[in-house]
C-alpha atoms as a PDB file:
ATOM      1  CA  UNK A   1      22.015  24.308  -2.036  1.00  0.00           C
ATOM      2  CA  UNK A   2      19.696  21.357  -1.456  1.00  0.00           C
ATOM      3  CA  UNK A   3      17.735  19.843  -4.295  1.00  0.00           C
ATOM      4  CA  UNK A   4      14.056  20.657  -4.740  1.00  0.00           C
ATOM      5  CA  UNK A   5      13.171  17.067  -3.792  1.00  0.00           C
ATOM      6  CA  UNK A   6      15.042  17.315  -0.490  1.00  0.00           C
ATOM      7  CA  UNK A   7      13.373  20.640   0.312  1.00  0.00           C
ATOM      8  CA  UNK A   8       9.957  19.161  -0.443  1.00  0.00           C
ATOM      9  CA  UNK A   9      10.617  16.099   1.732  1.00  0.00           C
ATOM     10  CA  UNK A  10      11.762  18.264   4.629  1.00  0.00           C
ATOM     11  CA  UNK A  11       8.673  20.481   4.370  1.00  0.00           C
ATOM     12  CA  UNK A  12       6.405  17.441   4.259  1.00  0.00           C
ATOM     13  CA  UNK A  13       8.104  15.940   7.318  1.00  0.00           C
ATOM     14  CA  UNK A  14       7.752  19.173   9.262  1.00  0.00           C
ATOM     15  CA  UNK A  15       4.092  19.511   8.263  1.00  0.00           C
ATOM     16  CA  UNK A  16       3.406  15.991   9.542  1.00  0.00           C
ATOM     17  CA  UNK A  17       5.181  16.671  12.835  1.00  0.00           C
ATOM     18  CA  UNK A  18       3.380  19.964  13.334  1.00  0.00           C
ATOM     19  CA  UNK A  19       0.012  18.404  12.458  1.00  0.00           C
ATOM     20  CA  UNK A  20       0.522  15.658  15.025  1.00  0.00           C
ATOM     21  CA  UNK A  21       1.622  18.140  17.657  1.00  0.00           C
ATOM     22  CA  UNK A  22      -1.379  20.367  16.940  1.00  0.00           C
ATOM     23  CA  UNK A  23      -3.757  17.383  17.131  1.00  0.00           C
ATOM     24  CA  UNK A  24      -2.310  16.274  20.465  1.00  0.00           C
ATOM     25  CA  UNK A  25      -2.571  19.815  21.815  1.00  0.00           C
ATOM     26  CA  UNK A  26      -6.270  19.947  20.949  1.00  0.00           C
ATOM     27  CA  UNK A  27      -6.864  16.534  22.530  1.00  0.00           C
ATOM     28  CA  UNK A  28      -5.072  17.433  25.739  1.00  0.00           C
ATOM     29  CA  UNK A  29      -7.137  20.562  26.280  1.00  0.00           C
ATOM     30  CA  UNK A  30     -10.309  18.537  26.824  1.00  0.00           C
ATOM     31  CA  UNK A  31      -9.029  15.215  28.111  1.00  0.00           C
ATOM     32  CA  UNK A  32     -10.767  15.357  31.508  1.00  0.00           C
ATOM     33  CA  UNK A  33     -14.161  16.599  32.589  1.00  0.00           C
ATOM     34  CA  UNK A  34     -14.353  19.636  34.833  1.00  0.00           C
ATOM     35  CA  UNK A  35     -15.585  19.468  38.435  1.00  0.00           C
ATOM     36  CA  UNK A  36     -18.945  20.930  37.413  1.00  0.00           C
ATOM     37  CA  UNK A  37     -19.379  18.397  34.597  1.00  0.00           C
ATOM     38  CA  UNK A  38     -18.480  15.470  36.855  1.00  0.00           C
ATOM     39  CA  UNK A  39     -20.959  16.359  39.583  1.00  0.00           C
ATOM     40  CA  UNK A  40     -23.723  18.002  37.536  1.00  0.00           C
ATOM     41  CA  UNK A  41     -25.948  14.920  37.823  1.00  0.00           C
ATOM     42  CA  UNK A  42     -25.734  14.969  41.635  1.00  0.00           C
ATOM     43  CA  UNK A  43     -27.854  18.104  41.934  1.00  0.00           C
ATOM     44  CA  UNK A  44     -27.266  21.181  44.070  1.00  0.00           C
ATOM     45  CA  UNK A  45     -25.354  20.890  47.361  1.00  0.00           C
ATOM     46  CA  UNK A  46     -27.593  20.529  50.404  1.00  0.00           C
ATOM     47  CA  UNK A  47     -30.549  19.237  48.391  1.00  0.00           C
ATOM     48  CA  UNK A  48     -31.531  15.632  47.708  1.00  0.00           C
ATOM     49  CA  UNK A  49     -30.123  14.084  44.569  1.00  0.00           C
ATOM     50  CA  UNK A  50     -32.501  13.752  41.595  1.00  0.00           C
ATOM     51  CA  UNK A  51     -34.243  10.419  41.194  1.00  0.00           C
ATOM     52  CA  UNK A  52     -32.540   7.923  38.883  1.00  0.00           C
ATOM     53  CA  UNK A  53     -34.432   7.024  35.721  1.00  0.00           C
END
């Protein structure tokens, strides 16, 4: 059986890996803007674009 210290170190290592993986997963979900967000400032199709401020 492993020592308590080794078990603790292994748990800590796994927690760090899982935390990093979870953080990256959250970041990747919203890394790019959607089509609607990209072209929202252009106005509706077929109508003139809004005046720039």
